[in-house]
Amino acid sequence: MAYEPRPIDTSEVQLPQELLELTEKIAENVHDVWAKGRVAEGWRYGEVRDPREKTTPLLVPYGELPESEKAYDRGTALETLRLIVKLGYKIEKDGGHVKD
């Protein structure tokens, strides 16, 4: 049986500007979570992706990623925000802050 992805259609969801601005921060965090997982699995930076050697050129800070990789992470972030809104949730900033 073939897998047929059926994501929820969020194309009609219009996000307010403040949520659009949040997209980049979420994208950066998505990359950091991915990278942390890879490092925990024994992966390290390498000029080419090699699953046997566990090397990848993507183990770099988000700002150093190729634009194509950033776009992928942004897409994930944007679709997540759109889905949250489509499902009827509200995202509000409470004035709190994250300690770096």
C-alpha atoms as a PDB file:
ATOM      1  CA  MET A   1       0.000   0.000   0.000  1.00  0.00           C
ATOM      2  CA  ALA A   2       1.447   3.361  -1.056  1.00  0.00           C
ATOM      3  CA  TYR A   3       1.590   6.214   1.391  1.00  0.00           C
ATOM      4  CA  GLU A   4      -0.350   9.283   0.247  1.00  0.00           C
ATOM      5  CA  PRO A   5       0.466  12.366   2.325  1.00  0.00           C
ATOM      6  CA  ARG A   6      -2.662  14.395   3.070  1.00  0.00           C
ATOM      7  CA  PRO A   7      -1.672  17.541   4.941  1.00  0.00           C
ATOM      8  CA  ILE A   8      -4.477  19.794   6.082  1.00  0.00           C
ATOM      9  CA  ASP A   9      -5.000  22.561   3.535  1.00  0.00           C
ATOM     10  CA  THR A  10      -3.934  25.825   5.149  1.00  0.00           C
ATOM     11  CA  SER A  11      -3.663  27.852   1.951  1.00  0.00           C
ATOM     12  CA  GLU A  12      -6.525  30.186   2.892  1.00  0.00           C
ATOM     13  CA  VAL A  13      -5.053  31.069   6.293  1.00  0.00           C
ATOM     14  CA  GLN A  14      -3.773  34.646   6.406  1.00  0.00           C
ATOM     15  CA  LEU A  15      -1.322  35.169   9.243  1.00  0.00           C
ATOM     16  CA  PRO A  16      -0.942  38.572  10.894  1.00  0.00           C
ATOM     17  CA  GLN A  17       2.413  40.292  10.414  1.00  0.00           C
ATOM     18  CA  GLU A  18       3.622  39.522  13.955  1.00  0.00           C
ATOM     19  CA  LEU A  19       3.223  35.779  13.302  1.00  0.00           C
ATOM     20  CA  LEU A  20       4.949  36.056   9.943  1.00  0.00           C
ATOM     21  CA  GLU A  21       7.875  37.678  11.761  1.00  0.00           C
ATOM     22  CA  LEU A  22       7.913  34.737  14.186  1.00  0.00           C
ATOM     23  CA  THR A  23       8.461  32.320  11.295  1.00  0.00           C
ATOM     24  CA  GLU A  24      12.207  32.996  11.058  1.00  0.00           C
ATOM     25  CA  LYS A  25      12.776  32.394  14.783  1.00  0.00           C
ATOM     26  CA  ILE A  26      10.838  29.127  14.609  1.00  0.00           C
ATOM     27  CA  ALA A  27      12.805  28.092  11.507  1.00  0.00           C
ATOM     28  CA  GLU A  28      16.083  28.718  13.335  1.00  0.00           C
ATOM     29  CA  ASN A  29      14.878  26.687  16.291  1.00  0.00           C
ATOM     30  CA  VAL A  30      13.741  23.832  14.007  1.00  0.00           C
ATOM     31  CA  HIS A  31      17.271  23.698  12.619  1.00  0.00           C
ATOM     32  CA  ASP A  32      18.843  23.787  16.086  1.00  0.00           C
ATOM     33  CA  VAL A  33      16.600  20.949  17.314  1.00  0.00           C
ATOM     34  CA  TRP A  34      17.495  18.908  14.222  1.00  0.00           C
ATOM     35  CA  ALA A  35      21.222  19.632  14.651  1.00  0.00           C
ATOM     36  CA  LYS A  36      21.185  18.769  18.345  1.00  0.00           C
ATOM     37  CA  GLY A  37      19.550  15.437  17.512  1.00  0.00           C
ATOM     38  CA  ARG A  38      22.135  14.663  14.846  1.00  0.00           C
ATOM     39  CA  VAL A  39      25.029  15.471  17.191  1.00  0.00           C
ATOM     40  CA  ALA A  40      23.465  13.212  19.848  1.00  0.00           C
ATOM     41  CA  GLU A  41      23.360  10.431  17.229  1.00  0.00           C
ATOM     42  CA  GLY A  42      27.073  10.857  16.539  1.00  0.00           C
ATOM     43  CA  TRP A  43      26.892  12.996  13.424  1.00  0.00           C
ATOM     44  CA  ARG A  44      29.508  15.683  12.823  1.00  0.00           C
ATOM     45  CA  TYR A  45      30.259  18.394  10.309  1.00  0.00           C
ATOM     46  CA  GLY A  46      31.688  17.228   6.996  1.00  0.00           C
ATOM     47  CA  GLU A  47      31.966  18.750   3.525  1.00  0.00           C
ATOM     48  CA  VAL A  48      29.662  16.064   2.105  1.00  0.00           C
ATOM     49  CA  ARG A  49      26.724  14.133   3.517  1.00  0.00           C
ATOM     50  CA  ASP A  50      27.837  10.593   4.258  1.00  0.00           C
ATOM     51  CA  PRO A  51      25.461   8.417   6.293  1.00  0.00           C
ATOM     52  CA  ARG A  52      28.119   5.746   6.889  1.00  0.00           C
ATOM     53  CA  GLU A  53      30.578   8.287   8.287  1.00  0.00           C
ATOM     54  CA  LYS A  54      27.769  10.347   9.812  1.00  0.00           C
ATOM     55  CA  THR A  55      28.938  13.610   8.285  1.00  0.00           C
ATOM     56  CA  THR A  56      26.845  16.447   6.896  1.00  0.00           C
ATOM     57  CA  PRO A  57      27.598  19.974   5.714  1.00  0.00           C
ATOM     58  CA  LEU A  58      24.395  21.149   7.426  1.00  0.00           C
ATOM     59  CA  LEU A  59      25.788  21.003  10.964  1.00  0.00           C
ATOM     60  CA  VAL A  60      26.392  24.735  10.996  1.00  0.00           C
ATOM     61  CA  PRO A  61      24.540  27.651  12.606  1.00  0.00           C
ATOM     62  CA  TYR A  62      21.252  28.519  10.898  1.00  0.00           C
ATOM     63  CA  GLY A  63      22.685  31.746   9.497  1.00  0.00           C
ATOM     64  CA  GLU A  64      25.326  29.769   7.593  1.00  0.00           C
ATOM     65  CA  LEU A  65      22.896  27.382   5.910  1.00  0.00           C
ATOM     66  CA  PRO A  66      22.319  27.557   2.171  1.00  0.00           C
ATOM     67  CA  GLU A  67      19.165  29.508   1.340  1.00  0.00           C
ATOM     68  CA  SER A  68      17.468  26.311   0.115  1.00  0.00           C
ATOM     69  CA  GLU A  69      17.797  24.751   3.573  1.00  0.00           C
ATOM     70  CA  LYS A  70      16.569  27.899   5.311  1.00  0.00           C
ATOM     71  CA  ALA A  71      13.563  27.920   2.965  1.00  0.00           C
ATOM     72  CA  TYR A  72      12.735  24.330   3.944  1.00  0.00           C
ATOM     73  CA  ASP A  73      12.827  25.216   7.667  1.00  0.00           C
ATOM     74  CA  ARG A  74      10.796  28.377   7.036  1.00  0.00           C
ATOM     75  CA  GLY A  75       8.192  26.337   5.183  1.00  0.00           C
ATOM     76  CA  THR A  76       7.887  23.960   8.134  1.00  0.00           C
ATOM     77  CA  ALA A  77       7.518  26.881  10.535  1.00  0.00           C
ATOM     78  CA  LEU A  78       4.992  28.698   8.357  1.00  0.00           C
ATOM     79  CA  GLU A  79       2.811  25.633   7.822  1.00  0.00           C
ATOM     80  CA  THR A  80       2.880  24.889  11.558  1.00  0.00           C
ATOM     81  CA  LEU A  81       1.693  28.416  12.372  1.00  0.00           C
ATOM     82  CA  ARG A  82      -1.010  28.234   9.703  1.00  0.00           C
ATOM     83  CA  LEU A  83      -2.229  24.883  11.022  1.00  0.00           C
ATOM     84  CA  ILE A  84      -2.435  26.187  14.591  1.00  0.00           C
ATOM     85  CA  VAL A  85      -4.575  29.112  13.406  1.00  0.00           C
ATOM     86  CA  LYS A  86      -6.724  26.929  11.129  1.00  0.00           C
ATOM     87  CA  LEU A  87      -7.480  24.602  14.045  1.00  0.00           C
ATOM     88  CA  GLY A  88      -8.895  27.561  15.944  1.00  0.00           C
ATOM     89  CA  TYR A  89      -6.056  28.362  18.325  1.00  0.00           C
ATOM     90  CA  LYS A  90      -4.903  31.879  19.053  1.00  0.00           C
ATOM     91  CA  ILE A  91      -1.262  32.774  19.452  1.00  0.00           C
ATOM     92  CA  GLU A  92      -0.642  35.752  21.684  1.00  0.00           C
ATOM     93  CA  LYS A  93       2.544  37.242  22.982  1.00  0.00           C
ATOM     94  CA  ASP A  94       2.448  37.680  26.742  1.00  0.00           C
ATOM     95  CA  GLY A  95       5.482  39.900  27.116  1.00  0.00           C
ATOM     96  CA  GLY A  96       7.608  37.117  28.603  1.00  0.00           C
ATOM     97  CA  HIS A  97      11.109  36.519  27.400  1.00  0.00           C
ATOM     98  CA  VAL A  98      13.417  33.622  26.742  1.00  0.00           C
ATOM     99  CA  LYS A  99      16.734  33.465  28.535  1.00  0.00           C
ATOM    100  CA  ASP A 100      19.509  32.764  26.061  1.00  0.00           C
END
